[in-house]
């Protein structure tokens, strides 16, 4: 029997976390938990202790590290922080399609006046570290949140963030760039 097939995926783990957070039994704590997750954003991971009781019970044992955050933990935390930011004071912005974050941004990109957004997007793609990448990702996310048609597939985002850290940053950035800049005949 192939044990790789039984190994949890970051995508599936993020989907399970979101399902659990939004379950009826968690509703009484949801506002508090989302606030704690939002408060951990941009802080050093060692200083984000209020988020660990929310996150770690959902993470499979094989993803947990012994020192610094594992790629899986970091990807799930960043995606969960963005989810918490997205749930604050707006309509739900979760997408179930399989599109990348580049596609999410493409949907709100104003072709006539995209210079500022394009510059931010390109700055994110040229980030030197995952922390810098996450910082620029948050800025673009907040910009997207201000638009009505913005939606994100958070499990896909977590998966992309995992692979970004795991030696495939160039492939993830190229995929997002293709999705962001692609020709859309409906806009012509």
C-alpha atoms as a PDB file:
ATOM      1  CA  UNK A   1       0.000   0.000   0.000  1.00  0.00           C
ATOM      2  CA  UNK A   2       1.328   3.430  -0.941  1.00  0.00           C
ATOM      3  CA  UNK A   3       1.702   5.617   2.155  1.00  0.00           C
ATOM      4  CA  UNK A   4       2.147   8.776   0.028  1.00  0.00           C
ATOM      5  CA  UNK A   5      -1.513   8.475  -0.986  1.00  0.00           C
ATOM      6  CA  UNK A   6      -2.544   8.524   2.687  1.00  0.00           C
ATOM      7  CA  UNK A   7      -0.399  11.537   3.567  1.00  0.00           C
ATOM      8  CA  UNK A   8      -2.480  14.659   4.180  1.00  0.00           C
ATOM      9  CA  UNK A   9      -2.171  17.545   1.754  1.00  0.00           C
ATOM     10  CA  UNK A  10      -1.808  21.211   2.671  1.00  0.00           C
ATOM     11  CA  UNK A  11      -4.837  21.887   0.445  1.00  0.00           C
ATOM     12  CA  UNK A  12      -6.948  19.303   2.285  1.00  0.00           C
ATOM     13  CA  UNK A  13      -5.714  20.447   5.680  1.00  0.00           C
ATOM     14  CA  UNK A  14      -6.634  24.072   4.962  1.00  0.00           C
ATOM     15  CA  UNK A  15     -10.057  23.011   3.676  1.00  0.00           C
ATOM     16  CA  UNK A  16     -10.590  20.990   6.874  1.00  0.00           C
ATOM     17  CA  UNK A  17      -9.516  23.932   9.067  1.00  0.00           C
ATOM     18  CA  UNK A  18     -11.987  26.243   7.318  1.00  0.00           C
ATOM     19  CA  UNK A  19     -14.770  23.662   7.557  1.00  0.00           C
ATOM     20  CA  UNK A  20     -14.087  23.212  11.262  1.00  0.00           C
ATOM     21  CA  UNK A  21     -13.845  26.961  11.950  1.00  0.00           C
ATOM     22  CA  UNK A  22     -17.201  27.491  10.266  1.00  0.00           C
ATOM     23  CA  UNK A  23     -18.917  24.505  11.863  1.00  0.00           C
ATOM     24  CA  UNK A  24     -21.947  25.149  14.102  1.00  0.00           C
ATOM     25  CA  UNK A  25     -20.078  24.034  17.238  1.00  0.00           C
ATOM     26  CA  UNK A  26     -17.310  26.603  16.591  1.00  0.00           C
ATOM     27  CA  UNK A  27     -19.618  29.564  15.875  1.00  0.00           C
ATOM     28  CA  UNK A  28     -19.590  30.809  19.450  1.00  0.00           C
ATOM     29  CA  UNK A  29     -15.788  31.175  19.293  1.00  0.00           C
ATOM     30  CA  UNK A  30     -15.465  32.216  15.652  1.00  0.00           C
ATOM     31  CA  UNK A  31     -15.318  35.987  16.165  1.00  0.00           C
ATOM     32  CA  UNK A  32     -12.765  35.632  18.958  1.00  0.00           C
ATOM     33  CA  UNK A  33     -10.668  33.125  16.996  1.00  0.00           C
ATOM     34  CA  UNK A  34     -10.653  35.216  13.813  1.00  0.00           C
ATOM     35  CA  UNK A  35      -9.614  38.282  15.831  1.00  0.00           C
ATOM     36  CA  UNK A  36      -6.728  36.345  17.399  1.00  0.00           C
ATOM     37  CA  UNK A  37      -5.634  35.119  13.975  1.00  0.00           C
ATOM     38  CA  UNK A  38      -5.788  38.661  12.548  1.00  0.00           C
ATOM     39  CA  UNK A  39      -3.769  39.963  15.507  1.00  0.00           C
ATOM     40  CA  UNK A  40      -0.983  37.493  14.722  1.00  0.00           C
ATOM     41  CA  UNK A  41      -0.553  38.943  11.231  1.00  0.00           C
ATOM     42  CA  UNK A  42       2.801  40.585  10.618  1.00  0.00           C
ATOM     43  CA  UNK A  43       4.203  39.550  13.989  1.00  0.00           C
ATOM     44  CA  UNK A  44       7.126  37.247  14.562  1.00  0.00           C
ATOM     45  CA  UNK A  45       5.852  33.702  14.807  1.00  0.00           C
ATOM     46  CA  UNK A  46       7.203  33.370  18.335  1.00  0.00           C
ATOM     47  CA  UNK A  47       4.935  36.268  19.368  1.00  0.00           C
ATOM     48  CA  UNK A  48       1.767  34.746  17.909  1.00  0.00           C
ATOM     49  CA  UNK A  49       0.983  32.491  20.852  1.00  0.00           C
ATOM     50  CA  UNK A  50      -2.751  33.298  20.835  1.00  0.00           C
ATOM     51  CA  UNK A  51      -3.136  31.632  17.437  1.00  0.00           C
ATOM     52  CA  UNK A  52      -1.461  28.327  18.313  1.00  0.00           C
ATOM     53  CA  UNK A  53      -4.426  26.852  20.253  1.00  0.00           C
ATOM     54  CA  UNK A  54      -6.607  27.641  17.240  1.00  0.00           C
ATOM     55  CA  UNK A  55      -4.266  26.319  14.547  1.00  0.00           C
ATOM     56  CA  UNK A  56      -2.243  23.422  15.952  1.00  0.00           C
ATOM     57  CA  UNK A  57      -5.160  21.101  16.848  1.00  0.00           C
ATOM     58  CA  UNK A  58      -6.084  21.024  13.139  1.00  0.00           C
ATOM     59  CA  UNK A  59      -2.608  20.381  11.740  1.00  0.00           C
ATOM     60  CA  UNK A  60      -1.675  16.741  11.065  1.00  0.00           C
ATOM     61  CA  UNK A  61       1.124  15.377  13.249  1.00  0.00           C
ATOM     62  CA  UNK A  62       3.491  14.950  10.292  1.00  0.00           C
ATOM     63  CA  UNK A  63       3.329  18.708   9.577  1.00  0.00           C
ATOM     64  CA  UNK A  64       4.339  19.779  13.076  1.00  0.00           C
ATOM     65  CA  UNK A  65       7.953  20.838  13.536  1.00  0.00           C
ATOM     66  CA  UNK A  66      10.409  20.657  16.405  1.00  0.00           C
ATOM     67  CA  UNK A  67      11.814  24.181  16.204  1.00  0.00           C
ATOM     68  CA  UNK A  68      11.053  26.762  13.550  1.00  0.00           C
ATOM     69  CA  UNK A  69       7.753  26.561  11.711  1.00  0.00           C
ATOM     70  CA  UNK A  70       7.623  23.920   9.012  1.00  0.00           C
ATOM     71  CA  UNK A  71       6.701  24.918   5.460  1.00  0.00           C
ATOM     72  CA  UNK A  72       3.272  23.410   6.046  1.00  0.00           C
ATOM     73  CA  UNK A  73       2.705  25.309   9.298  1.00  0.00           C
ATOM     74  CA  UNK A  74       3.835  28.604   7.789  1.00  0.00           C
ATOM     75  CA  UNK A  75       1.729  28.171   4.638  1.00  0.00           C
ATOM     76  CA  UNK A  76      -1.365  27.300   6.663  1.00  0.00           C
ATOM     77  CA  UNK A  77      -0.808  30.192   9.070  1.00  0.00           C
ATOM     78  CA  UNK A  78      -0.362  32.796   6.309  1.00  0.00           C
ATOM     79  CA  UNK A  79      -3.435  31.569   4.425  1.00  0.00           C
ATOM     80  CA  UNK A  80      -5.459  31.457   7.640  1.00  0.00           C
ATOM     81  CA  UNK A  81      -4.397  35.013   8.515  1.00  0.00           C
ATOM     82  CA  UNK A  82      -5.589  36.202   5.112  1.00  0.00           C
ATOM     83  CA  UNK A  83      -8.844  34.306   5.585  1.00  0.00           C
ATOM     84  CA  UNK A  84      -9.378  36.032   8.951  1.00  0.00           C
ATOM     85  CA  UNK A  85      -8.665  39.437   7.388  1.00  0.00           C
ATOM     86  CA  UNK A  86     -11.118  38.623   4.597  1.00  0.00           C
ATOM     87  CA  UNK A  87     -13.907  37.706   7.005  1.00  0.00           C
ATOM     88  CA  UNK A  88     -13.738  40.994   8.872  1.00  0.00           C
ATOM     89  CA  UNK A  89     -16.619  43.324   8.099  1.00  0.00           C
ATOM     90  CA  UNK A  90     -17.418  42.095   4.609  1.00  0.00           C
ATOM     91  CA  UNK A  91     -19.282  39.490   2.669  1.00  0.00           C
ATOM     92  CA  UNK A  92     -17.669  36.078   2.605  1.00  0.00           C
ATOM     93  CA  UNK A  93     -14.948  36.006  -0.009  1.00  0.00           C
ATOM     94  CA  UNK A  94     -14.196  32.304  -0.232  1.00  0.00           C
ATOM     95  CA  UNK A  95     -14.034  30.758  -3.675  1.00  0.00           C
ATOM     96  CA  UNK A  96     -14.465  27.055  -4.332  1.00  0.00           C
ATOM     97  CA  UNK A  97     -13.017  27.092  -7.846  1.00  0.00           C
ATOM     98  CA  UNK A  98      -9.477  25.850  -8.418  1.00  0.00           C
ATOM     99  CA  UNK A  99      -8.047  29.195  -9.447  1.00  0.00           C
ATOM    100  CA  UNK A 100      -4.808  30.675  -8.165  1.00  0.00           C
ATOM    101  CA  UNK A 101      -4.358  33.947  -6.323  1.00  0.00           C
ATOM    102  CA  UNK A 102      -3.220  35.389  -9.669  1.00  0.00           C
ATOM    103  CA  UNK A 103      -6.677  34.637 -11.088  1.00  0.00           C
ATOM    104  CA  UNK A 104      -8.336  36.224  -8.050  1.00  0.00           C
ATOM    105  CA  UNK A 105      -6.393  39.424  -8.733  1.00  0.00           C
ATOM    106  CA  UNK A 106      -7.022  39.200 -12.476  1.00  0.00           C
ATOM    107  CA  UNK A 107     -10.759  39.387 -11.822  1.00  0.00           C
ATOM    108  CA  UNK A 108     -10.418  42.782 -10.120  1.00  0.00           C
ATOM    109  CA  UNK A 109      -7.651  44.199 -12.299  1.00  0.00           C
ATOM    110  CA  UNK A 110      -8.749  47.350 -14.097  1.00  0.00           C
ATOM    111  CA  UNK A 111      -7.171  47.008 -17.512  1.00  0.00           C
ATOM    112  CA  UNK A 112      -7.419  50.753 -18.140  1.00  0.00           C
ATOM    113  CA  UNK A 113      -5.765  51.744 -14.869  1.00  0.00           C
ATOM    114  CA  UNK A 114      -3.720  48.828 -13.569  1.00  0.00           C
ATOM    115  CA  UNK A 115      -0.302  50.492 -13.127  1.00  0.00           C
ATOM    116  CA  UNK A 116      -0.336  50.639  -9.309  1.00  0.00           C
ATOM    117  CA  UNK A 117      -1.738  47.146  -8.901  1.00  0.00           C
ATOM    118  CA  UNK A 118       0.657  45.725 -11.504  1.00  0.00           C
ATOM    119  CA  UNK A 119       3.585  47.323  -9.671  1.00  0.00           C
ATOM    120  CA  UNK A 120       2.495  45.783  -6.356  1.00  0.00           C
ATOM    121  CA  UNK A 121       1.957  42.407  -7.992  1.00  0.00           C
ATOM    122  CA  UNK A 122       5.397  42.457  -9.618  1.00  0.00           C
ATOM    123  CA  UNK A 123       7.021  43.532  -6.347  1.00  0.00           C
ATOM    124  CA  UNK A 124       5.443  40.540  -4.637  1.00  0.00           C
ATOM    125  CA  UNK A 125       6.672  38.174  -7.333  1.00  0.00           C
ATOM    126  CA  UNK A 126      10.263  39.403  -6.969  1.00  0.00           C
ATOM    127  CA  UNK A 127      10.354  39.000  -3.188  1.00  0.00           C
ATOM    128  CA  UNK A 128      13.561  37.505  -1.821  1.00  0.00           C
ATOM    129  CA  UNK A 129      12.040  35.691   1.183  1.00  0.00           C
ATOM    130  CA  UNK A 130       8.748  34.080   2.093  1.00  0.00           C
ATOM    131  CA  UNK A 131       8.192  36.721   4.780  1.00  0.00           C
ATOM    132  CA  UNK A 132       8.624  39.507   2.221  1.00  0.00           C
ATOM    133  CA  UNK A 133       6.355  37.608  -0.178  1.00  0.00           C
ATOM    134  CA  UNK A 134       3.704  37.249   2.562  1.00  0.00           C
ATOM    135  CA  UNK A 135       3.926  40.966   3.367  1.00  0.00           C
ATOM    136  CA  UNK A 136       3.252  41.962  -0.262  1.00  0.00           C
ATOM    137  CA  UNK A 137       0.601  39.253  -0.559  1.00  0.00           C
ATOM    138  CA  UNK A 138      -1.244  40.794   2.407  1.00  0.00           C
ATOM    139  CA  UNK A 139      -1.098  44.249   0.797  1.00  0.00           C
ATOM    140  CA  UNK A 140      -2.579  42.924  -2.444  1.00  0.00           C
ATOM    141  CA  UNK A 141      -5.147  40.915  -0.505  1.00  0.00           C
ATOM    142  CA  UNK A 142      -6.309  44.029   1.352  1.00  0.00           C
ATOM    143  CA  UNK A 143      -6.554  45.872  -1.959  1.00  0.00           C
ATOM    144  CA  UNK A 144      -8.600  43.004  -3.379  1.00  0.00           C
ATOM    145  CA  UNK A 145     -10.813  42.894  -0.309  1.00  0.00           C
ATOM    146  CA  UNK A 146     -11.972  46.415  -1.121  1.00  0.00           C
ATOM    147  CA  UNK A 147     -13.497  45.151  -4.388  1.00  0.00           C
ATOM    148  CA  UNK A 148     -16.875  43.419  -4.505  1.00  0.00           C
ATOM    149  CA  UNK A 149     -15.916  40.686  -6.949  1.00  0.00           C
ATOM    150  CA  UNK A 150     -12.792  39.509  -5.091  1.00  0.00           C
ATOM    151  CA  UNK A 151     -12.756  35.897  -3.943  1.00  0.00           C
ATOM    152  CA  UNK A 152      -9.952  33.537  -3.000  1.00  0.00           C
ATOM    153  CA  UNK A 153      -9.573  29.785  -2.884  1.00  0.00           C
ATOM    154  CA  UNK A 154      -7.814  29.637   0.503  1.00  0.00           C
ATOM    155  CA  UNK A 155      -6.894  25.927   0.377  1.00  0.00           C
ATOM    156  CA  UNK A 156      -5.269  26.513  -3.034  1.00  0.00           C
ATOM    157  CA  UNK A 157      -3.495  29.586  -1.651  1.00  0.00           C
ATOM    158  CA  UNK A 158      -2.124  27.561   1.295  1.00  0.00           C
ATOM    159  CA  UNK A 159      -0.960  24.857  -1.110  1.00  0.00           C
ATOM    160  CA  UNK A 160       0.775  27.422  -3.338  1.00  0.00           C
ATOM    161  CA  UNK A 161       2.451  28.994  -0.301  1.00  0.00           C
ATOM    162  CA  UNK A 162       3.725  25.579   0.755  1.00  0.00           C
ATOM    163  CA  UNK A 163       5.226  24.908  -2.682  1.00  0.00           C
ATOM    164  CA  UNK A 164       6.597  28.453  -2.843  1.00  0.00           C
ATOM    165  CA  UNK A 165       8.727  27.648   0.215  1.00  0.00           C
ATOM    166  CA  UNK A 166       9.516  24.128  -0.912  1.00  0.00           C
ATOM    167  CA  UNK A 167      11.719  24.990  -3.894  1.00  0.00           C
ATOM    168  CA  UNK A 168       9.020  25.910  -6.406  1.00  0.00           C
ATOM    169  CA  UNK A 169       8.804  29.674  -5.884  1.00  0.00           C
ATOM    170  CA  UNK A 170       9.597  30.424  -9.525  1.00  0.00           C
ATOM    171  CA  UNK A 171       6.912  28.028 -10.765  1.00  0.00           C
ATOM    172  CA  UNK A 172       4.285  29.464  -8.392  1.00  0.00           C
ATOM    173  CA  UNK A 173       5.165  33.052  -9.363  1.00  0.00           C
ATOM    174  CA  UNK A 174       5.075  32.194 -13.070  1.00  0.00           C
ATOM    175  CA  UNK A 175       1.679  30.487 -12.679  1.00  0.00           C
ATOM    176  CA  UNK A 176       0.272  33.484 -10.802  1.00  0.00           C
ATOM    177  CA  UNK A 177       1.722  35.892 -13.386  1.00  0.00           C
ATOM    178  CA  UNK A 178       0.162  33.925 -16.262  1.00  0.00           C
ATOM    179  CA  UNK A 179      -3.192  33.954 -14.481  1.00  0.00           C
ATOM    180  CA  UNK A 180      -2.952  37.634 -13.571  1.00  0.00           C
ATOM    181  CA  UNK A 181      -1.885  38.982 -16.962  1.00  0.00           C
ATOM    182  CA  UNK A 182      -3.764  36.558 -19.219  1.00  0.00           C
ATOM    183  CA  UNK A 183      -5.892  37.852 -22.061  1.00  0.00           C
ATOM    184  CA  UNK A 184      -9.583  37.988 -21.231  1.00  0.00           C
ATOM    185  CA  UNK A 185     -11.794  38.292 -24.338  1.00  0.00           C
ATOM    186  CA  UNK A 186     -14.727  39.419 -22.148  1.00  0.00           C
ATOM    187  CA  UNK A 187     -12.796  42.592 -21.272  1.00  0.00           C
ATOM    188  CA  UNK A 188     -12.114  43.516 -24.910  1.00  0.00           C
END
